[in-house]
Amino acid sequence: IYTFQTFIKILVNFIHPIVIFLDDLHWIDSASVQLLQVLISDRLLKNILIIGAYRTQEMTLNHPLIFALESSQKKHSIPINQINLLPLNQLHIIKFLKESFEYR
């Protein structure tokens, strides 16, 4: 954990912010939860944005990630924003495909 944390600190600075996108967090293991918690609670790590995606139907209230995020939010006053996305309906998919293949 310390090695990765140091590596991220080397990469990130005021001129070069970093965005980390993590997908399928509903499958996250405990070691990765600890790493994520260390990264989001490190006050010296600035100019970093961590975006995580997970399926809400796969998560329970006692999931390690939910517990870690709530704990970090309470302990360190870290702003955590959640956006709940609804599934696309057929009209949205048709519009998306039409715009994707439209010749300009």
PDB file of N, CA and C in Angstrom:
ATOM      1  N   ILE A   1       0.837  -1.189   0.000  1.00  0.00           N
ATOM      2  CA  ILE A   1       0.000   0.000   0.000  1.00  0.00           C
ATOM      3  C   ILE A   1       0.880   1.250   0.000  1.00  0.00           C
ATOM      4  N   TYR A   2       1.897   1.263   0.844  1.00  0.00           N
ATOM      5  CA  TYR A   2       2.772   2.430   0.941  1.00  0.00           C
ATOM      6  C   TYR A   2       3.469   2.719  -0.387  1.00  0.00           C
ATOM      7  N   THR A   3       3.906   1.674  -1.071  1.00  0.00           N
ATOM      8  CA  THR A   3       4.606   1.846  -2.345  1.00  0.00           C
ATOM      9  C   THR A   3       3.696   2.490  -3.384  1.00  0.00           C
ATOM     10  N   PHE A   4       2.462   2.009  -3.490  1.00  0.00           N
ATOM     11  CA  PHE A   4       1.527   2.572  -4.462  1.00  0.00           C
ATOM     12  C   PHE A   4       1.166   4.006  -4.088  1.00  0.00           C
ATOM     13  N   GLN A   5       0.984   4.254  -2.801  1.00  0.00           N
ATOM     14  CA  GLN A   5       0.672   5.602  -2.326  1.00  0.00           C
ATOM     15  C   GLN A   5       1.805   6.571  -2.695  1.00  0.00           C
ATOM     16  N   THR A   6       3.034   6.154  -2.505  1.00  0.00           N
ATOM     17  CA  THR A   6       4.194   6.980  -2.856  1.00  0.00           C
ATOM     18  C   THR A   6       4.253   7.200  -4.369  1.00  0.00           C
ATOM     19  N   PHE A   7       3.982   6.160  -5.121  1.00  0.00           N
ATOM     20  CA  PHE A   7       3.970   6.263  -6.581  1.00  0.00           C
ATOM     21  C   PHE A   7       2.942   7.298  -7.049  1.00  0.00           C
ATOM     22  N   ILE A   8       1.750   7.273  -6.487  1.00  0.00           N
ATOM     23  CA  ILE A   8       0.703   8.232  -6.845  1.00  0.00           C
ATOM     24  C   ILE A   8       1.142   9.644  -6.461  1.00  0.00           C
ATOM     25  N   LYS A   9       1.756   9.803  -5.294  1.00  0.00           N
ATOM     26  CA  LYS A   9       2.225  11.125  -4.864  1.00  0.00           C
ATOM     27  C   LYS A   9       3.262  11.689  -5.823  1.00  0.00           C
ATOM     28  N   ILE A  10       4.094  10.833  -6.401  1.00  0.00           N
ATOM     29  CA  ILE A  10       5.100  11.274  -7.372  1.00  0.00           C
ATOM     30  C   ILE A  10       4.429  11.742  -8.659  1.00  0.00           C
ATOM     31  N   LEU A  11       3.379  11.036  -9.074  1.00  0.00           N
ATOM     32  CA  LEU A  11       2.701  11.371 -10.327  1.00  0.00           C
ATOM     33  C   LEU A  11       1.873  12.652 -10.256  1.00  0.00           C
ATOM     34  N   VAL A  12       1.271  12.892  -9.107  1.00  0.00           N
ATOM     35  CA  VAL A  12       0.303  13.980  -8.980  1.00  0.00           C
ATOM     36  C   VAL A  12       0.973  15.247  -8.500  1.00  0.00           C
ATOM     37  N   ASN A  13       0.656  16.340  -9.184  1.00  0.00           N
ATOM     38  CA  ASN A  13       1.068  17.663  -8.710  1.00  0.00           C
ATOM     39  C   ASN A  13       0.070  18.688  -9.233  1.00  0.00           C
ATOM     40  N   PHE A  14       0.294  19.943  -8.917  1.00  0.00           N
ATOM     41  CA  PHE A  14      -0.656  20.997  -9.283  1.00  0.00           C
ATOM     42  C   PHE A  14      -0.826  21.099 -10.798  1.00  0.00           C
ATOM     43  N   ILE A  15       0.244  20.898 -11.523  1.00  0.00           N
ATOM     44  CA  ILE A  15       0.195  21.019 -12.983  1.00  0.00           C
ATOM     45  C   ILE A  15      -0.378  19.755 -13.620  1.00  0.00           C
ATOM     46  N   HIS A  16      -0.142  18.618 -13.021  1.00  0.00           N
ATOM     47  CA  HIS A  16      -0.587  17.340 -13.580  1.00  0.00           C
ATOM     48  C   HIS A  16      -1.501  16.594 -12.604  1.00  0.00           C
ATOM     49  N   PRO A  17      -2.787  16.955 -12.566  1.00  0.00           N
ATOM     50  CA  PRO A  17      -3.709  16.192 -11.717  1.00  0.00           C
ATOM     51  C   PRO A  17      -3.936  14.803 -12.324  1.00  0.00           C
ATOM     52  N   ILE A  18      -4.514  13.927 -11.546  1.00  0.00           N
ATOM     53  CA  ILE A  18      -4.737  12.563 -12.025  1.00  0.00           C
ATOM     54  C   ILE A  18      -6.167  12.139 -11.694  1.00  0.00           C
ATOM     55  N   VAL A  19      -6.735  11.365 -12.600  1.00  0.00           N
ATOM     56  CA  VAL A  19      -8.053  10.778 -12.395  1.00  0.00           C
ATOM     57  C   VAL A  19      -7.876   9.269 -12.443  1.00  0.00           C
ATOM     58  N   ILE A  20      -8.372   8.600 -11.430  1.00  0.00           N
ATOM     59  CA  ILE A  20      -8.320   7.137 -11.385  1.00  0.00           C
ATOM     60  C   ILE A  20      -9.749   6.635 -11.469  1.00  0.00           C
ATOM     61  N   PHE A  21     -10.028   5.807 -12.470  1.00  0.00           N
ATOM     62  CA  PHE A  21     -11.362   5.227 -12.620  1.00  0.00           C
ATOM     63  C   PHE A  21     -11.302   3.747 -12.278  1.00  0.00           C
ATOM     64  N   LEU A  22     -12.113   3.345 -11.339  1.00  0.00           N
ATOM     65  CA  LEU A  22     -12.172   1.951 -10.897  1.00  0.00           C
ATOM     66  C   LEU A  22     -13.566   1.409 -11.202  1.00  0.00           C
ATOM     67  N   ASP A  23     -13.621   0.355 -11.979  1.00  0.00           N
ATOM     68  CA  ASP A  23     -14.901  -0.242 -12.368  1.00  0.00           C
ATOM     69  C   ASP A  23     -15.133  -1.527 -11.591  1.00  0.00           C
ATOM     70  N   ASP A  24     -16.386  -1.931 -11.507  1.00  0.00           N
ATOM     71  CA  ASP A  24     -16.789  -3.189 -10.857  1.00  0.00           C
ATOM     72  C   ASP A  24     -16.346  -3.264  -9.395  1.00  0.00           C
ATOM     73  N   LEU A  25     -16.518  -2.176  -8.673  1.00  0.00           N
ATOM     74  CA  LEU A  25     -16.108  -2.144  -7.265  1.00  0.00           C
ATOM     75  C   LEU A  25     -16.957  -3.058  -6.379  1.00  0.00           C
ATOM     76  N   HIS A  26     -18.036  -3.585  -6.905  1.00  0.00           N
ATOM     77  CA  HIS A  26     -18.822  -4.536  -6.115  1.00  0.00           C
ATOM     78  C   HIS A  26     -18.040  -5.838  -5.903  1.00  0.00           C
ATOM     79  N   TRP A  27     -16.959  -6.049  -6.666  1.00  0.00           N
ATOM     80  CA  TRP A  27     -16.106  -7.231  -6.508  1.00  0.00           C
ATOM     81  C   TRP A  27     -14.806  -6.921  -5.774  1.00  0.00           C
ATOM     82  N   ILE A  28     -14.679  -5.755  -5.185  1.00  0.00           N
ATOM     83  CA  ILE A  28     -13.421  -5.335  -4.571  1.00  0.00           C
ATOM     84  C   ILE A  28     -13.050  -6.237  -3.387  1.00  0.00           C
ATOM     85  N   ASP A  29     -11.764  -6.522  -3.245  1.00  0.00           N
ATOM     86  CA  ASP A  29     -11.300  -7.335  -2.117  1.00  0.00           C
ATOM     87  C   ASP A  29     -10.846  -6.418  -0.984  1.00  0.00           C
ATOM     88  N   SER A  30     -10.595  -7.000   0.173  1.00  0.00           N
ATOM     89  CA  SER A  30     -10.289  -6.202   1.366  1.00  0.00           C
ATOM     90  C   SER A  30      -8.973  -5.419   1.231  1.00  0.00           C
ATOM     91  N   ALA A  31      -7.968  -5.994   0.571  1.00  0.00           N
ATOM     92  CA  ALA A  31      -6.700  -5.286   0.390  1.00  0.00           C
ATOM     93  C   ALA A  31      -6.893  -4.049  -0.496  1.00  0.00           C
ATOM     94  N   SER A  32      -7.709  -4.177  -1.525  1.00  0.00           N
ATOM     95  CA  SER A  32      -7.976  -3.035  -2.406  1.00  0.00           C
ATOM     96  C   SER A  32      -8.814  -1.976  -1.702  1.00  0.00           C
ATOM     97  N   VAL A  33      -9.707  -2.400  -0.818  1.00  0.00           N
ATOM     98  CA  VAL A  33     -10.484  -1.450  -0.019  1.00  0.00           C
ATOM     99  C   VAL A  33      -9.539  -0.649   0.866  1.00  0.00           C
ATOM    100  N   GLN A  34      -8.577  -1.319   1.483  1.00  0.00           N
ATOM    101  CA  GLN A  34      -7.607  -0.631   2.331  1.00  0.00           C
ATOM    102  C   GLN A  34      -6.788   0.372   1.531  1.00  0.00           C
ATOM    103  N   LEU A  35      -6.349  -0.016   0.335  1.00  0.00           N
ATOM    104  CA  LEU A  35      -5.584   0.884  -0.524  1.00  0.00           C
ATOM    105  C   LEU A  35      -6.426   2.102  -0.901  1.00  0.00           C
ATOM    106  N   LEU A  36      -7.657   1.873  -1.282  1.00  0.00           N
ATOM    107  CA  LEU A  36      -8.553   2.968  -1.644  1.00  0.00           C
ATOM    108  C   LEU A  36      -8.781   3.902  -0.468  1.00  0.00           C
ATOM    109  N   GLN A  37      -8.963   3.330   0.706  1.00  0.00           N
ATOM    110  CA  GLN A  37      -9.175   4.130   1.910  1.00  0.00           C
ATOM    111  C   GLN A  37      -7.939   4.982   2.230  1.00  0.00           C
ATOM    112  N   VAL A  38      -6.763   4.425   2.058  1.00  0.00           N
ATOM    113  CA  VAL A  38      -5.528   5.179   2.289  1.00  0.00           C
ATOM    114  C   VAL A  38      -5.417   6.338   1.298  1.00  0.00           C
ATOM    115  N   LEU A  39      -5.733   6.075   0.031  1.00  0.00           N
ATOM    116  CA  LEU A  39      -5.628   7.120  -0.987  1.00  0.00           C
ATOM    117  C   LEU A  39      -6.618   8.259  -0.746  1.00  0.00           C
ATOM    118  N   ILE A  40      -7.850   7.934  -0.379  1.00  0.00           N
ATOM    119  CA  ILE A  40      -8.842   9.001  -0.223  1.00  0.00           C
ATOM    120  C   ILE A  40      -8.688   9.748   1.097  1.00  0.00           C
ATOM    121  N   SER A  41      -8.004   9.162   2.057  1.00  0.00           N
ATOM    122  CA  SER A  41      -7.856   9.836   3.341  1.00  0.00           C
ATOM    123  C   SER A  41      -6.507  10.561   3.497  1.00  0.00           C
ATOM    124  N   ASP A  42      -5.635  10.434   2.513  1.00  0.00           N
ATOM    125  CA  ASP A  42      -4.313  11.077   2.576  1.00  0.00           C
ATOM    126  C   ASP A  42      -4.456  12.565   2.276  1.00  0.00           C
ATOM    127  N   ARG A  43      -4.274  13.394   3.282  1.00  0.00           N
ATOM    128  CA  ARG A  43      -4.426  14.848   3.128  1.00  0.00           C
ATOM    129  C   ARG A  43      -3.335  15.458   2.248  1.00  0.00           C
ATOM    130  N   LEU A  44      -2.202  14.781   2.121  1.00  0.00           N
ATOM    131  CA  LEU A  44      -1.113  15.304   1.293  1.00  0.00           C
ATOM    132  C   LEU A  44      -1.336  15.025  -0.190  1.00  0.00           C
ATOM    133  N   LEU A  45      -2.241  14.106  -0.484  1.00  0.00           N
ATOM    134  CA  LEU A  45      -2.551  13.802  -1.878  1.00  0.00           C
ATOM    135  C   LEU A  45      -3.593  14.793  -2.375  1.00  0.00           C
ATOM    136  N   LYS A  46      -3.158  15.733  -3.162  1.00  0.00           N
ATOM    137  CA  LYS A  46      -4.065  16.740  -3.697  1.00  0.00           C
ATOM    138  C   LYS A  46      -4.135  16.569  -5.210  1.00  0.00           C
ATOM    139  N   ASN A  47      -5.138  17.166  -5.815  1.00  0.00           N
ATOM    140  CA  ASN A  47      -5.316  17.113  -7.268  1.00  0.00           C
ATOM    141  C   ASN A  47      -5.476  15.687  -7.783  1.00  0.00           C
ATOM    142  N   ILE A  48      -6.249  14.913  -7.054  1.00  0.00           N
ATOM    143  CA  ILE A  48      -6.555  13.559  -7.475  1.00  0.00           C
ATOM    144  C   ILE A  48      -8.071  13.379  -7.405  1.00  0.00           C
ATOM    145  N   LEU A  49      -8.606  12.731  -8.415  1.00  0.00           N
ATOM    146  CA  LEU A  49     -10.032  12.423  -8.450  1.00  0.00           C
ATOM    147  C   LEU A  49     -10.169  10.926  -8.648  1.00  0.00           C
ATOM    148  N   ILE A  50     -10.856  10.284  -7.728  1.00  0.00           N
ATOM    149  CA  ILE A  50     -11.071   8.847  -7.834  1.00  0.00           C
ATOM    150  C   ILE A  50     -12.548   8.633  -8.152  1.00  0.00           C
ATOM    151  N   ILE A  51     -12.798   7.966  -9.257  1.00  0.00           N
ATOM    152  CA  ILE A  51     -14.159   7.657  -9.684  1.00  0.00           C
ATOM    153  C   ILE A  51     -14.323   6.147  -9.617  1.00  0.00           C
ATOM    154  N   GLY A  52     -15.367   5.726  -8.945  1.00  0.00           N
ATOM    155  CA  GLY A  52     -15.634   4.300  -8.828  1.00  0.00           C
ATOM    156  C   GLY A  52     -17.014   3.971  -9.346  1.00  0.00           C
ATOM    157  N   ALA A  53     -17.126   2.816  -9.949  1.00  0.00           N
ATOM    158  CA  ALA A  53     -18.418   2.362 -10.467  1.00  0.00           C
ATOM    159  C   ALA A  53     -18.715   0.980  -9.896  1.00  0.00           C
ATOM    160  N   TYR A  54     -19.956   0.801  -9.498  1.00  0.00           N
ATOM    161  CA  TYR A  54     -20.380  -0.503  -9.006  1.00  0.00           C
ATOM    162  C   TYR A  54     -21.873  -0.660  -9.233  1.00  0.00           C
ATOM    163  N   ARG A  55     -22.315  -1.901  -9.225  1.00  0.00           N
ATOM    164  CA  ARG A  55     -23.736  -2.204  -9.393  1.00  0.00           C
ATOM    165  C   ARG A  55     -24.388  -2.189  -8.016  1.00  0.00           C
ATOM    166  N   THR A  56     -25.334  -1.292  -7.839  1.00  0.00           N
ATOM    167  CA  THR A  56     -25.971  -1.165  -6.525  1.00  0.00           C
ATOM    168  C   THR A  56     -26.694  -2.440  -6.116  1.00  0.00           C
ATOM    169  N   GLN A  57     -27.241  -3.169  -7.077  1.00  0.00           N
ATOM    170  CA  GLN A  57     -27.948  -4.392  -6.731  1.00  0.00           C
ATOM    171  C   GLN A  57     -27.010  -5.498  -6.237  1.00  0.00           C
ATOM    172  N   GLU A  58     -25.713  -5.343  -6.476  1.00  0.00           N
ATOM    173  CA  GLU A  58     -24.713  -6.302  -6.011  1.00  0.00           C
ATOM    174  C   GLU A  58     -24.153  -5.943  -4.631  1.00  0.00           C
ATOM    175  N   MET A  59     -24.494  -4.762  -4.139  1.00  0.00           N
ATOM    176  CA  MET A  59     -23.940  -4.279  -2.876  1.00  0.00           C
ATOM    177  C   MET A  59     -24.948  -4.456  -1.743  1.00  0.00           C
ATOM    178  N   THR A  60     -24.436  -4.714  -0.559  1.00  0.00           N
ATOM    179  CA  THR A  60     -25.257  -4.763   0.642  1.00  0.00           C
ATOM    180  C   THR A  60     -24.764  -3.667   1.582  1.00  0.00           C
ATOM    181  N   LEU A  61     -25.536  -3.383   2.608  1.00  0.00           N
ATOM    182  CA  LEU A  61     -25.140  -2.335   3.552  1.00  0.00           C
ATOM    183  C   LEU A  61     -23.877  -2.686   4.327  1.00  0.00           C
ATOM    184  N   ASN A  62     -23.568  -3.973   4.433  1.00  0.00           N
ATOM    185  CA  ASN A  62     -22.359  -4.372   5.156  1.00  0.00           C
ATOM    186  C   ASN A  62     -21.204  -4.711   4.210  1.00  0.00           C
ATOM    187  N   HIS A  63     -21.291  -4.291   2.956  1.00  0.00           N
ATOM    188  CA  HIS A  63     -20.197  -4.495   1.999  1.00  0.00           C
ATOM    189  C   HIS A  63     -18.982  -3.687   2.475  1.00  0.00           C
ATOM    190  N   PRO A  64     -17.784  -4.245   2.398  1.00  0.00           N
ATOM    191  CA  PRO A  64     -16.583  -3.555   2.886  1.00  0.00           C
ATOM    192  C   PRO A  64     -16.373  -2.175   2.259  1.00  0.00           C
ATOM    193  N   LEU A  65     -16.713  -2.011   0.988  1.00  0.00           N
ATOM    194  CA  LEU A  65     -16.530  -0.722   0.331  1.00  0.00           C
ATOM    195  C   LEU A  65     -17.461   0.328   0.918  1.00  0.00           C
ATOM    196  N   ILE A  66     -18.714  -0.020   1.132  1.00  0.00           N
ATOM    197  CA  ILE A  66     -19.684   0.917   1.705  1.00  0.00           C
ATOM    198  C   ILE A  66     -19.230   1.344   3.092  1.00  0.00           C
ATOM    199  N   PHE A  67     -18.801   0.381   3.877  1.00  0.00           N
ATOM    200  CA  PHE A  67     -18.313   0.674   5.228  1.00  0.00           C
ATOM    201  C   PHE A  67     -17.094   1.595   5.176  1.00  0.00           C
ATOM    202  N   ALA A  68     -16.153   1.316   4.278  1.00  0.00           N
ATOM    203  CA  ALA A  68     -14.925   2.123   4.171  1.00  0.00           C
ATOM    204  C   ALA A  68     -15.238   3.552   3.732  1.00  0.00           C
ATOM    205  N   LEU A  69     -16.131   3.717   2.774  1.00  0.00           N
ATOM    206  CA  LEU A  69     -16.486   5.059   2.303  1.00  0.00           C
ATOM    207  C   LEU A  69     -17.184   5.865   3.392  1.00  0.00           C
ATOM    208  N   GLU A  70     -18.126   5.232   4.083  1.00  0.00           N
ATOM    209  CA  GLU A  70     -18.824   5.929   5.175  1.00  0.00           C
ATOM    210  C   GLU A  70     -17.856   6.294   6.293  1.00  0.00           C
ATOM    211  N   SER A  71     -16.965   5.385   6.614  1.00  0.00           N
ATOM    212  CA  SER A  71     -15.972   5.625   7.649  1.00  0.00           C
ATOM    213  C   SER A  71     -15.053   6.787   7.270  1.00  0.00           C
ATOM    214  N   SER A  72     -14.560   6.794   6.040  1.00  0.00           N
ATOM    215  CA  SER A  72     -13.677   7.866   5.584  1.00  0.00           C
ATOM    216  C   SER A  72     -14.405   9.202   5.554  1.00  0.00           C
ATOM    217  N   GLN A  73     -15.653   9.161   5.164  1.00  0.00           N
ATOM    218  CA  GLN A  73     -16.435  10.395   5.101  1.00  0.00           C
ATOM    219  C   GLN A  73     -16.636  10.988   6.493  1.00  0.00           C
ATOM    220  N   LYS A  74     -16.923  10.148   7.470  1.00  0.00           N
ATOM    221  CA  LYS A  74     -17.143  10.626   8.840  1.00  0.00           C
ATOM    222  C   LYS A  74     -15.840  11.040   9.513  1.00  0.00           C
ATOM    223  N   LYS A  75     -14.815  10.206   9.372  1.00  0.00           N
ATOM    224  CA  LYS A  75     -13.545  10.424  10.061  1.00  0.00           C
ATOM    225  C   LYS A  75     -12.773  11.614   9.518  1.00  0.00           C
ATOM    226  N   HIS A  76     -12.724  11.730   8.195  1.00  0.00           N
ATOM    227  CA  HIS A  76     -11.846  12.715   7.569  1.00  0.00           C
ATOM    228  C   HIS A  76     -12.604  13.823   6.830  1.00  0.00           C
ATOM    229  N   SER A  77     -13.924  13.825   6.919  1.00  0.00           N
ATOM    230  CA  SER A  77     -14.765  14.819   6.219  1.00  0.00           C
ATOM    231  C   SER A  77     -14.447  14.884   4.726  1.00  0.00           C
ATOM    232  N   ILE A  78     -14.298  13.726   4.121  1.00  0.00           N
ATOM    233  CA  ILE A  78     -13.977  13.647   2.706  1.00  0.00           C
ATOM    234  C   ILE A  78     -15.276  13.698   1.904  1.00  0.00           C
ATOM    235  N   PRO A  79     -15.369  14.631   0.943  1.00  0.00           N
ATOM    236  CA  PRO A  79     -16.600  14.692   0.142  1.00  0.00           C
ATOM    237  C   PRO A  79     -16.695  13.504  -0.816  1.00  0.00           C
ATOM    238  N   ILE A  80     -17.767  12.770  -0.699  1.00  0.00           N
ATOM    239  CA  ILE A  80     -18.016  11.638  -1.581  1.00  0.00           C
ATOM    240  C   ILE A  80     -19.378  11.867  -2.233  1.00  0.00           C
ATOM    241  N   ASN A  81     -19.364  11.991  -3.534  1.00  0.00           N
ATOM    242  CA  ASN A  81     -20.592  12.212  -4.279  1.00  0.00           C
ATOM    243  C   ASN A  81     -21.011  10.918  -4.956  1.00  0.00           C
ATOM    244  N   GLN A  82     -22.286  10.630  -4.901  1.00  0.00           N
ATOM    245  CA  GLN A  82     -22.803   9.434  -5.550  1.00  0.00           C
ATOM    246  C   GLN A  82     -23.825   9.831  -6.601  1.00  0.00           C
ATOM    247  N   ILE A  83     -23.730   9.199  -7.744  1.00  0.00           N
ATOM    248  CA  ILE A  83     -24.683   9.410  -8.833  1.00  0.00           C
ATOM    249  C   ILE A  83     -25.289   8.054  -9.160  1.00  0.00           C
ATOM    250  N   ASN A  84     -26.570   7.943  -8.977  1.00  0.00           N
ATOM    251  CA  ASN A  84     -27.263   6.697  -9.307  1.00  0.00           C
ATOM    252  C   ASN A  84     -27.804   6.792 -10.725  1.00  0.00           C
ATOM    253  N   LEU A  85     -27.352   5.889 -11.582  1.00  0.00           N
ATOM    254  CA  LEU A  85     -27.775   5.881 -12.974  1.00  0.00           C
ATOM    255  C   LEU A  85     -28.850   4.825 -13.184  1.00  0.00           C
ATOM    256  N   LEU A  86     -29.859   5.192 -13.936  1.00  0.00           N
ATOM    257  CA  LEU A  86     -30.910   4.251 -14.296  1.00  0.00           C
ATOM    258  C   LEU A  86     -30.516   3.545 -15.587  1.00  0.00           C
ATOM    259  N   PRO A  87     -31.048   2.354 -15.814  1.00  0.00           N
ATOM    260  CA  PRO A  87     -30.736   1.664 -17.073  1.00  0.00           C
ATOM    261  C   PRO A  87     -31.283   2.449 -18.268  1.00  0.00           C
ATOM    262  N   LEU A  88     -30.581   2.328 -19.386  1.00  0.00           N
ATOM    263  CA  LEU A  88     -31.053   2.972 -20.611  1.00  0.00           C
ATOM    264  C   LEU A  88     -32.275   2.224 -21.136  1.00  0.00           C
ATOM    265  N   ASN A  89     -33.253   2.979 -21.629  1.00  0.00           N
ATOM    266  CA  ASN A  89     -34.385   2.299 -22.251  1.00  0.00           C
ATOM    267  C   ASN A  89     -34.118   2.174 -23.755  1.00  0.00           C
ATOM    268  N   GLN A  90     -35.024   1.526 -24.454  1.00  0.00           N
ATOM    269  CA  GLN A  90     -34.821   1.239 -25.868  1.00  0.00           C
ATOM    270  C   GLN A  90     -34.664   2.518 -26.701  1.00  0.00           C
ATOM    271  N   LEU A  91     -35.423   3.555 -26.385  1.00  0.00           N
ATOM    272  CA  LEU A  91     -35.315   4.814 -27.139  1.00  0.00           C
ATOM    273  C   LEU A  91     -33.947   5.461 -26.979  1.00  0.00           C
ATOM    274  N   HIS A  92     -33.395   5.396 -25.774  1.00  0.00           N
ATOM    275  CA  HIS A  92     -32.059   5.937 -25.550  1.00  0.00           C
ATOM    276  C   HIS A  92     -31.009   5.187 -26.374  1.00  0.00           C
ATOM    277  N   ILE A  93     -31.129   3.885 -26.411  1.00  0.00           N
ATOM    278  CA  ILE A  93     -30.163   3.063 -27.155  1.00  0.00           C
ATOM    279  C   ILE A  93     -30.258   3.347 -28.650  1.00  0.00           C
ATOM    280  N   ILE A  94     -31.486   3.455 -29.172  1.00  0.00           N
ATOM    281  CA  ILE A  94     -31.678   3.761 -30.593  1.00  0.00           C
ATOM    282  C   ILE A  94     -31.074   5.120 -30.928  1.00  0.00           C
ATOM    283  N   LYS A  95     -31.327   6.111 -30.083  1.00  0.00           N
ATOM    284  CA  LYS A  95     -30.776   7.457 -30.314  1.00  0.00           C
ATOM    285  C   LYS A  95     -29.253   7.423 -30.277  1.00  0.00           C
ATOM    286  N   PHE A  96     -28.692   6.712 -29.313  1.00  0.00           N
ATOM    287  CA  PHE A  96     -27.243   6.599 -29.187  1.00  0.00           C
ATOM    288  C   PHE A  96     -26.637   5.962 -30.436  1.00  0.00           C
ATOM    289  N   LEU A  97     -27.225   4.859 -30.896  1.00  0.00           N
ATOM    290  CA  LEU A  97     -26.712   4.174 -32.081  1.00  0.00           C
ATOM    291  C   LEU A  97     -26.865   5.038 -33.328  1.00  0.00           C
ATOM    292  N   LYS A  98     -27.999   5.710 -33.443  1.00  0.00           N
ATOM    293  CA  LYS A  98     -28.236   6.587 -34.602  1.00  0.00           C
ATOM    294  C   LYS A  98     -27.188   7.681 -34.656  1.00  0.00           C
ATOM    295  N   GLU A  99     -26.927   8.336 -33.530  1.00  0.00           N
ATOM    296  CA  GLU A  99     -25.933   9.409 -33.481  1.00  0.00           C
ATOM    297  C   GLU A  99     -24.507   8.884 -33.676  1.00  0.00           C
ATOM    298  N   SER A 100     -24.264   7.669 -33.238  1.00  0.00           N
ATOM    299  CA  SER A 100     -22.920   7.090 -33.382  1.00  0.00           C
ATOM    300  C   SER A 100     -22.584   6.783 -34.829  1.00  0.00           C
ATOM    301  N   PHE A 101     -23.583   6.322 -35.591  1.00  0.00           N
ATOM    302  CA  PHE A 101     -23.339   5.899 -36.967  1.00  0.00           C
ATOM    303  C   PHE A 101     -23.759   6.948 -38.002  1.00  0.00           C
ATOM    304  N   GLU A 102     -24.192   8.075 -37.536  1.00  0.00           N
ATOM    305  CA  GLU A 102     -24.622   9.133 -38.441  1.00  0.00           C
ATOM    306  C   GLU A 102     -23.415   9.717 -39.162  1.00  0.00           C
ATOM    307  N   TYR A 103     -23.544   9.862 -40.462  1.00  0.00           N
ATOM    308  CA  TYR A 103     -22.461  10.439 -41.262  1.00  0.00           C
ATOM    309  C   TYR A 103     -22.557  11.951 -41.195  1.00  0.00           C
ATOM    310  N   ARG A 104     -21.444  12.613 -40.947  1.00  0.00           N
ATOM    311  CA  ARG A 104     -21.453  14.088 -40.850  1.00  0.00           C
ATOM    312  C   ARG A 104     -20.614  14.672 -41.932  1.00  0.00           C
TER     313      ARG A 104
END
